Amino acid sequence: TDKPTREMIEANMDFYEDIERGQGIYII
């Protein structure tokens, strides 16, 4: 989905694998 819940994000943070040092992402 493109509308994840907080629980979904807390359960799967695999996006960290693609974040460079000194950078970040945001998700609504």
PDB file of all heavy atoms in Angstrom:
ATOM      1  N   THR A   1       0.850  -1.183   0.000  1.00  0.00           N
ATOM      2  CA  THR A   1       0.000   0.000   0.000  1.00  0.00           C
ATOM      3  C   THR A   1       0.888   1.235   0.000  1.00  0.00           C
ATOM      4  O   THR A   1       2.055   1.154   0.395  1.00  0.00           O
ATOM      5  CB  THR A   1      -0.947   0.038   1.225  1.00  0.00           C
ATOM      6  OG1 THR A   1      -1.776   1.204   1.148  1.00  0.00           O
ATOM      7  CG2 THR A   1      -0.178   0.062   2.536  1.00  0.00           C
ATOM      8  N   ASP A   2       0.323   2.356  -0.416  1.00  0.00           N
ATOM      9  CA  ASP A   2       1.062   3.612  -0.283  1.00  0.00           C
ATOM     10  C   ASP A   2       0.545   4.406   0.913  1.00  0.00           C
ATOM     11  O   ASP A   2       0.887   5.569   1.100  1.00  0.00           O
ATOM     12  CB  ASP A   2       0.997   4.448  -1.566  1.00  0.00           C
ATOM     13  CG  ASP A   2      -0.413   4.851  -1.938  1.00  0.00           C
ATOM     14  OD1 ASP A   2      -1.384   4.317  -1.353  1.00  0.00           O
ATOM     15  OD2 ASP A   2      -0.562   5.703  -2.834  1.00  0.00           O
ATOM     16  N   LYS A   3      -0.260   3.742   1.751  1.00  0.00           N
ATOM     17  CA  LYS A   3      -0.799   4.361   2.963  1.00  0.00           C
ATOM     18  C   LYS A   3      -0.555   3.445   4.165  1.00  0.00           C
ATOM     19  O   LYS A   3      -1.498   2.945   4.793  1.00  0.00           O
ATOM     20  CB  LYS A   3      -2.285   4.650   2.787  1.00  0.00           C
ATOM     21  CG  LYS A   3      -2.569   5.692   1.726  1.00  0.00           C
ATOM     22  CD  LYS A   3      -4.060   5.935   1.583  1.00  0.00           C
ATOM     23  CE  LYS A   3      -4.344   7.097   0.679  1.00  0.00           C
ATOM     24  NZ  LYS A   3      -4.093   6.863  -0.722  1.00  0.00           N
ATOM     25  N   PRO A   4       0.707   3.227   4.528  1.00  0.00           N
ATOM     26  CA  PRO A   4       1.001   2.303   5.627  1.00  0.00           C
ATOM     27  C   PRO A   4       0.605   2.875   6.988  1.00  0.00           C
ATOM     28  O   PRO A   4       0.567   4.088   7.179  1.00  0.00           O
ATOM     29  CB  PRO A   4       2.521   2.127   5.542  1.00  0.00           C
ATOM     30  CG  PRO A   4       2.999   3.422   4.974  1.00  0.00           C
ATOM     31  CD  PRO A   4       1.928   3.823   3.981  1.00  0.00           C
ATOM     32  N   THR A   5       0.319   1.979   7.904  1.00  0.00           N
ATOM     33  CA  THR A   5       0.053   2.370   9.286  1.00  0.00           C
ATOM     34  C   THR A   5       1.375   2.432  10.049  1.00  0.00           C
ATOM     35  O   THR A   5       2.405   1.920   9.582  1.00  0.00           O
ATOM     36  CB  THR A   5      -0.863   1.346   9.973  1.00  0.00           C
ATOM     37  OG1 THR A   5      -0.165   0.088  10.038  1.00  0.00           O
ATOM     38  CG2 THR A   5      -2.186   1.178   9.232  1.00  0.00           C
ATOM     39  N   ARG A   6       1.330   3.006  11.206  1.00  0.00           N
ATOM     40  CA  ARG A   6       2.518   3.045  12.070  1.00  0.00           C
ATOM     41  C   ARG A   6       2.986   1.628  12.363  1.00  0.00           C
ATOM     42  O   ARG A   6       4.181   1.339  12.344  1.00  0.00           O
ATOM     43  CB  ARG A   6       2.199   3.794  13.363  1.00  0.00           C
ATOM     44  CG  ARG A   6       3.369   3.822  14.317  1.00  0.00           C
ATOM     45  CD  ARG A   6       3.046   4.574  15.589  1.00  0.00           C
ATOM     46  NE  ARG A   6       4.218   4.624  16.443  1.00  0.00           N
ATOM     47  CZ  ARG A   6       4.494   5.623  17.263  1.00  0.00           C
ATOM     48  NH1 ARG A   6       3.678   6.655  17.345  1.00  0.00           N
ATOM     49  NH2 ARG A   6       5.573   5.598  18.010  1.00  0.00           N
ATOM     50  N   GLU A   7       2.039   0.742  12.638  1.00  0.00           N
ATOM     51  CA  GLU A   7       2.391  -0.642  12.967  1.00  0.00           C
ATOM     52  C   GLU A   7       3.111  -1.328  11.810  1.00  0.00           C
ATOM     53  O   GLU A   7       4.045  -2.100  12.033  1.00  0.00           O
ATOM     54  CB  GLU A   7       1.127  -1.420  13.363  1.00  0.00           C
ATOM     55  CG  GLU A   7       0.485  -0.954  14.656  1.00  0.00           C
ATOM     56  CD  GLU A   7      -0.314   0.355  14.538  1.00  0.00           C
ATOM     57  OE1 GLU A   7      -0.698   0.748  13.406  1.00  0.00           O
ATOM     58  OE2 GLU A   7      -0.539   0.995  15.576  1.00  0.00           O
ATOM     59  N   MET A   8       2.692  -1.045  10.587  1.00  0.00           N
ATOM     60  CA  MET A   8       3.364  -1.623   9.423  1.00  0.00           C
ATOM     61  C   MET A   8       4.817  -1.151   9.345  1.00  0.00           C
ATOM     62  O   MET A   8       5.720  -1.944   9.069  1.00  0.00           O
ATOM     63  CB  MET A   8       2.635  -1.236   8.137  1.00  0.00           C
ATOM     64  CG  MET A   8       1.262  -1.828   7.994  1.00  0.00           C
ATOM     65  SD  MET A   8       0.401  -1.039   6.610  1.00  0.00           S
ATOM     66  CE  MET A   8      -0.085  -2.480   5.698  1.00  0.00           C
ATOM     67  N   ILE A   9       5.019   0.120   9.574  1.00  0.00           N
ATOM     68  CA  ILE A   9       6.375   0.674   9.509  1.00  0.00           C
ATOM     69  C   ILE A   9       7.236   0.090  10.620  1.00  0.00           C
ATOM     70  O   ILE A   9       8.372  -0.323  10.386  1.00  0.00           O
ATOM     71  CB  ILE A   9       6.340   2.211   9.568  1.00  0.00           C
ATOM     72  CG1 ILE A   9       5.670   2.752   8.296  1.00  0.00           C
ATOM     73  CG2 ILE A   9       7.745   2.787   9.735  1.00  0.00           C
ATOM     74  CD1 ILE A   9       5.340   4.221   8.344  1.00  0.00           C
ATOM     75  N   GLU A  10       6.691   0.033  11.828  1.00  0.00           N
ATOM     76  CA  GLU A  10       7.463  -0.522  12.947  1.00  0.00           C
ATOM     77  C   GLU A  10       7.818  -1.986  12.718  1.00  0.00           C
ATOM     78  O   GLU A  10       8.873  -2.450  13.162  1.00  0.00           O
ATOM     79  CB  GLU A  10       6.670  -0.372  14.245  1.00  0.00           C
ATOM     80  CG  GLU A  10       6.576   1.064  14.714  1.00  0.00           C
ATOM     81  CD  GLU A  10       5.705   1.261  15.932  1.00  0.00           C
ATOM     82  OE1 GLU A  10       4.727   0.489  16.119  1.00  0.00           O
ATOM     83  OE2 GLU A  10       5.986   2.198  16.690  1.00  0.00           O
ATOM     84  N   ALA A  11       6.991  -2.709  11.992  1.00  0.00           N
ATOM     85  CA  ALA A  11       7.235  -4.133  11.736  1.00  0.00           C
ATOM     86  C   ALA A  11       8.189  -4.380  10.576  1.00  0.00           C
ATOM     87  O   ALA A  11       8.756  -5.469  10.466  1.00  0.00           O
ATOM     88  CB  ALA A  11       5.899  -4.841  11.457  1.00  0.00           C
ATOM     89  N   ASN A  12       8.379  -3.396   9.706  1.00  0.00           N
ATOM     90  CA  ASN A  12       9.241  -3.597   8.539  1.00  0.00           C
ATOM     91  C   ASN A  12       9.968  -2.293   8.209  1.00  0.00           C
ATOM     92  O   ASN A  12       9.397  -1.388   7.616  1.00  0.00           O
ATOM     93  CB  ASN A  12       8.429  -4.058   7.339  1.00  0.00           C
ATOM     94  CG  ASN A  12       9.287  -4.348   6.131  1.00  0.00           C
ATOM     95  OD1 ASN A  12      10.488  -4.089   6.116  1.00  0.00           O
ATOM     96  ND2 ASN A  12       8.681  -4.873   5.086  1.00  0.00           N
ATOM     97  N   MET A  13      11.212  -2.228   8.601  1.00  0.00           N
ATOM     98  CA  MET A  13      12.034  -1.056   8.331  1.00  0.00           C
ATOM     99  C   MET A  13      13.167  -1.388   7.361  1.00  0.00           C
ATOM    100  O   MET A  13      14.271  -0.857   7.458  1.00  0.00           O
ATOM    101  CB  MET A  13      12.568  -0.470   9.635  1.00  0.00           C
ATOM    102  CG  MET A  13      11.482   0.089  10.521  1.00  0.00           C
ATOM    103  SD  MET A  13      12.172   1.060  11.864  1.00  0.00           S
ATOM    104  CE  MET A  13      10.689   1.762  12.562  1.00  0.00           C
ATOM    105  N   ASP A  14      12.883  -2.261   6.400  1.00  0.00           N
ATOM    106  CA  ASP A  14      13.891  -2.655   5.426  1.00  0.00           C
ATOM    107  C   ASP A  14      14.374  -1.492   4.565  1.00  0.00           C
ATOM    108  O   ASP A  14      15.423  -1.586   3.927  1.00  0.00           O
ATOM    109  CB  ASP A  14      13.363  -3.771   4.519  1.00  0.00           C
ATOM    110  CG  ASP A  14      13.243  -5.098   5.251  1.00  0.00           C
ATOM    111  OD1 ASP A  14      13.758  -5.222   6.386  1.00  0.00           O
ATOM    112  OD2 ASP A  14      12.617  -6.022   4.685  1.00  0.00           O
ATOM    113  N   PHE A  15      13.636  -0.390   4.551  1.00  0.00           N
ATOM    114  CA  PHE A  15      14.059   0.782   3.772  1.00  0.00           C
ATOM    115  C   PHE A  15      15.390   1.340   4.250  1.00  0.00           C
ATOM    116  O   PHE A  15      16.082   2.019   3.502  1.00  0.00           O
ATOM    117  CB  PHE A  15      12.983   1.880   3.801  1.00  0.00           C
ATOM    118  CG  PHE A  15      12.508   2.230   5.184  1.00  0.00           C
ATOM    119  CD1 PHE A  15      13.249   3.050   6.019  1.00  0.00           C
ATOM    120  CD2 PHE A  15      11.309   1.721   5.650  1.00  0.00           C
ATOM    121  CE1 PHE A  15      12.813   3.360   7.291  1.00  0.00           C
ATOM    122  CE2 PHE A  15      10.858   2.039   6.916  1.00  0.00           C
ATOM    123  CZ  PHE A  15      11.610   2.860   7.746  1.00  0.00           C
ATOM    124  N   TYR A  16      15.786   1.038   5.499  1.00  0.00           N
ATOM    125  CA  TYR A  16      17.067   1.538   6.001  1.00  0.00           C
ATOM    126  C   TYR A  16      18.234   1.062   5.144  1.00  0.00           C
ATOM    127  O   TYR A  16      19.267   1.721   5.071  1.00  0.00           O
ATOM    128  CB  TYR A  16      17.296   1.129   7.465  1.00  0.00           C
ATOM    129  CG  TYR A  16      16.738   2.114   8.459  1.00  0.00           C
ATOM    130  CD1 TYR A  16      15.557   1.871   9.123  1.00  0.00           C
ATOM    131  CD2 TYR A  16      17.413   3.303   8.729  1.00  0.00           C
ATOM    132  CE1 TYR A  16      15.042   2.775  10.035  1.00  0.00           C
ATOM    133  CE2 TYR A  16      16.913   4.217   9.640  1.00  0.00           C
ATOM    134  CZ  TYR A  16      15.726   3.945  10.291  1.00  0.00           C
ATOM    135  OH  TYR A  16      15.222   4.852  11.193  1.00  0.00           O
ATOM    136  N   GLU A  17      18.085  -0.082   4.488  1.00  0.00           N
ATOM    137  CA  GLU A  17      19.151  -0.630   3.649  1.00  0.00           C
ATOM    138  C   GLU A  17      19.543   0.311   2.511  1.00  0.00           C
ATOM    139  O   GLU A  17      20.657   0.256   2.014  1.00  0.00           O
ATOM    140  CB  GLU A  17      18.719  -1.976   3.068  1.00  0.00           C
ATOM    141  CG  GLU A  17      18.485  -3.030   4.112  1.00  0.00           C
ATOM    142  CD  GLU A  17      17.850  -4.291   3.554  1.00  0.00           C
ATOM    143  OE1 GLU A  17      17.732  -4.422   2.313  1.00  0.00           O
ATOM    144  OE2 GLU A  17      17.488  -5.155   4.370  1.00  0.00           O
ATOM    145  N   ASP A  18      18.615   1.175   2.101  1.00  0.00           N
ATOM    146  CA  ASP A  18      18.865   2.055   0.958  1.00  0.00           C
ATOM    147  C   ASP A  18      19.146   3.506   1.330  1.00  0.00           C
ATOM    148  O   ASP A  18      19.295   4.352   0.441  1.00  0.00           O
ATOM    149  CB  ASP A  18      17.659   2.008   0.003  1.00  0.00           C
ATOM    150  CG  ASP A  18      17.447   0.616  -0.552  1.00  0.00           C
ATOM    151  OD1 ASP A  18      18.454  -0.067  -0.850  1.00  0.00           O
ATOM    152  OD2 ASP A  18      16.278   0.195  -0.674  1.00  0.00           O
ATOM    153  N   ILE A  19      19.228   3.815   2.614  1.00  0.00           N
ATOM    154  CA  ILE A  19      19.471   5.194   3.045  1.00  0.00           C
ATOM    155  C   ILE A  19      20.971   5.397   3.239  1.00  0.00           C
ATOM    156  O   ILE A  19      21.636   4.606   3.905  1.00  0.00           O
ATOM    157  CB  ILE A  19      18.725   5.509   4.356  1.00  0.00           C
ATOM    158  CG1 ILE A  19      17.218   5.340   4.172  1.00  0.00           C
ATOM    159  CG2 ILE A  19      19.046   6.934   4.817  1.00  0.00           C
ATOM    160  CD1 ILE A  19      16.416   5.491   5.460  1.00  0.00           C
ATOM    161  N   GLU A  20      21.486   6.453   2.657  1.00  0.00           N
ATOM    162  CA  GLU A  20      22.903   6.797   2.798  1.00  0.00           C
ATOM    163  C   GLU A  20      23.140   7.503   4.137  1.00  0.00           C
ATOM    164  O   GLU A  20      22.231   8.102   4.715  1.00  0.00           O
ATOM    165  CB  GLU A  20      23.330   7.727   1.661  1.00  0.00           C
ATOM    166  CG  GLU A  20      23.199   7.132   0.286  1.00  0.00           C
ATOM    167  CD  GLU A  20      24.203   6.034   0.013  1.00  0.00           C
ATOM    168  OE1 GLU A  20      25.327   6.089   0.546  1.00  0.00           O
ATOM    169  OE2 GLU A  20      23.853   5.109  -0.744  1.00  0.00           O
ATOM    170  N   ARG A  21      24.362   7.489   4.571  1.00  0.00           N
ATOM    171  CA  ARG A  21      24.732   8.197   5.798  1.00  0.00           C
ATOM    172  C   ARG A  21      24.511   9.696   5.619  1.00  0.00           C
ATOM    173  O   ARG A  21      24.747  10.244   4.550  1.00  0.00           O
ATOM    174  CB  ARG A  21      26.186   7.912   6.140  1.00  0.00           C
ATOM    175  CG  ARG A  21      26.375   6.465   6.505  1.00  0.00           C
ATOM    176  CD  ARG A  21      27.805   6.105   6.669  1.00  0.00           C
ATOM    177  NE  ARG A  21      27.868   4.677   6.990  1.00  0.00           N
ATOM    178  CZ  ARG A  21      28.919   4.079   7.464  1.00  0.00           C
ATOM    179  NH1 ARG A  21      30.022   4.751   7.665  1.00  0.00           N
ATOM    180  NH2 ARG A  21      28.886   2.796   7.737  1.00  0.00           N
ATOM    181  N   GLY A  22      24.014  10.326   6.681  1.00  0.00           N
ATOM    182  CA  GLY A  22      23.763  11.762   6.627  1.00  0.00           C
ATOM    183  C   GLY A  22      22.512  12.135   5.861  1.00  0.00           C
ATOM    184  O   GLY A  22      22.331  13.289   5.494  1.00  0.00           O
ATOM    185  N   GLN A  23      21.635  11.150   5.633  1.00  0.00           N
ATOM    186  CA  GLN A  23      20.393  11.384   4.906  1.00  0.00           C
ATOM    187  C   GLN A  23      19.230  10.709   5.634  1.00  0.00           C
ATOM    188  O   GLN A  23      19.438   9.894   6.530  1.00  0.00           O
ATOM    189  CB  GLN A  23      20.473  10.807   3.490  1.00  0.00           C
ATOM    190  CG  GLN A  23      21.538  11.441   2.642  1.00  0.00           C
ATOM    191  CD  GLN A  23      21.566  10.863   1.239  1.00  0.00           C
ATOM    192  OE1 GLN A  23      20.624  10.254   0.778  1.00  0.00           O
ATOM    193  NE2 GLN A  23      22.683  11.070   0.562  1.00  0.00           N
ATOM    194  N   GLY A  24      18.015  11.059   5.220  1.00  0.00           N
ATOM    195  CA  GLY A  24      16.843  10.444   5.826  1.00  0.00           C
ATOM    196  C   GLY A  24      15.670  10.402   4.874  1.00  0.00           C
ATOM    197  O   GLY A  24      15.710  10.961   3.776  1.00  0.00           O
ATOM    198  N   ILE A  25      14.637   9.722   5.332  1.00  0.00           N
ATOM    199  CA  ILE A  25      13.388   9.614   4.569  1.00  0.00           C
ATOM    200  C   ILE A  25      12.242  10.011   5.486  1.00  0.00           C
ATOM    201  O   ILE A  25      12.395  10.073   6.699  1.00  0.00           O
ATOM    202  CB  ILE A  25      13.157   8.193   4.015  1.00  0.00           C
ATOM    203  CG1 ILE A  25      13.151   7.120   5.126  1.00  0.00           C
ATOM    204  CG2 ILE A  25      14.209   7.834   2.995  1.00  0.00           C
ATOM    205  CD1 ILE A  25      11.801   6.807   5.662  1.00  0.00           C
ATOM    206  N   TYR A  26      11.097  10.266   4.863  1.00  0.00           N
ATOM    207  CA  TYR A  26       9.885  10.403   5.662  1.00  0.00           C
ATOM    208  C   TYR A  26       8.770   9.615   5.001  1.00  0.00           C
ATOM    209  O   TYR A  26       8.774   9.380   3.799  1.00  0.00           O
ATOM    210  CB  TYR A  26       9.499  11.868   5.895  1.00  0.00           C
ATOM    211  CG  TYR A  26       8.976  12.607   4.699  1.00  0.00           C
ATOM    212  CD1 TYR A  26       7.627  12.563   4.355  1.00  0.00           C
ATOM    213  CD2 TYR A  26       9.829  13.380   3.899  1.00  0.00           C
ATOM    214  CE1 TYR A  26       7.142  13.260   3.255  1.00  0.00           C
ATOM    215  CE2 TYR A  26       9.355  14.078   2.806  1.00  0.00           C
ATOM    216  CZ  TYR A  26       8.008  14.012   2.495  1.00  0.00           C
ATOM    217  OH  TYR A  26       7.521  14.700   1.405  1.00  0.00           O
ATOM    218  N   ILE A  27       7.835   9.163   5.845  1.00  0.00           N
ATOM    219  CA  ILE A  27       6.674   8.408   5.403  1.00  0.00           C
ATOM    220  C   ILE A  27       5.467   8.959   6.163  1.00  0.00           C
ATOM    221  O   ILE A  27       5.529   9.106   7.387  1.00  0.00           O
ATOM    222  CB  ILE A  27       6.798   6.905   5.724  1.00  0.00           C
ATOM    223  CG1 ILE A  27       8.056   6.294   5.114  1.00  0.00           C
ATOM    224  CG2 ILE A  27       5.555   6.148   5.263  1.00  0.00           C
ATOM    225  CD1 ILE A  27       8.367   4.877   5.601  1.00  0.00           C
ATOM    226  N   ILE A  28       4.409   9.237   5.458  1.00  0.00           N
ATOM    227  CA  ILE A  28       3.160   9.622   6.121  1.00  0.00           C
ATOM    228  C   ILE A  28       2.459   8.329   6.516  1.00  0.00           C
ATOM    229  O   ILE A  28       2.261   7.439   5.687  1.00  0.00           O
ATOM    230  CB  ILE A  28       2.285  10.480   5.197  1.00  0.00           C
ATOM    231  CG1 ILE A  28       3.028  11.787   4.896  1.00  0.00           C
ATOM    232  CG2 ILE A  28       0.920  10.744   5.837  1.00  0.00           C
ATOM    233  CD1 ILE A  28       2.379  12.653   3.850  1.00  0.00           C
TER     234      ILE A  28
END
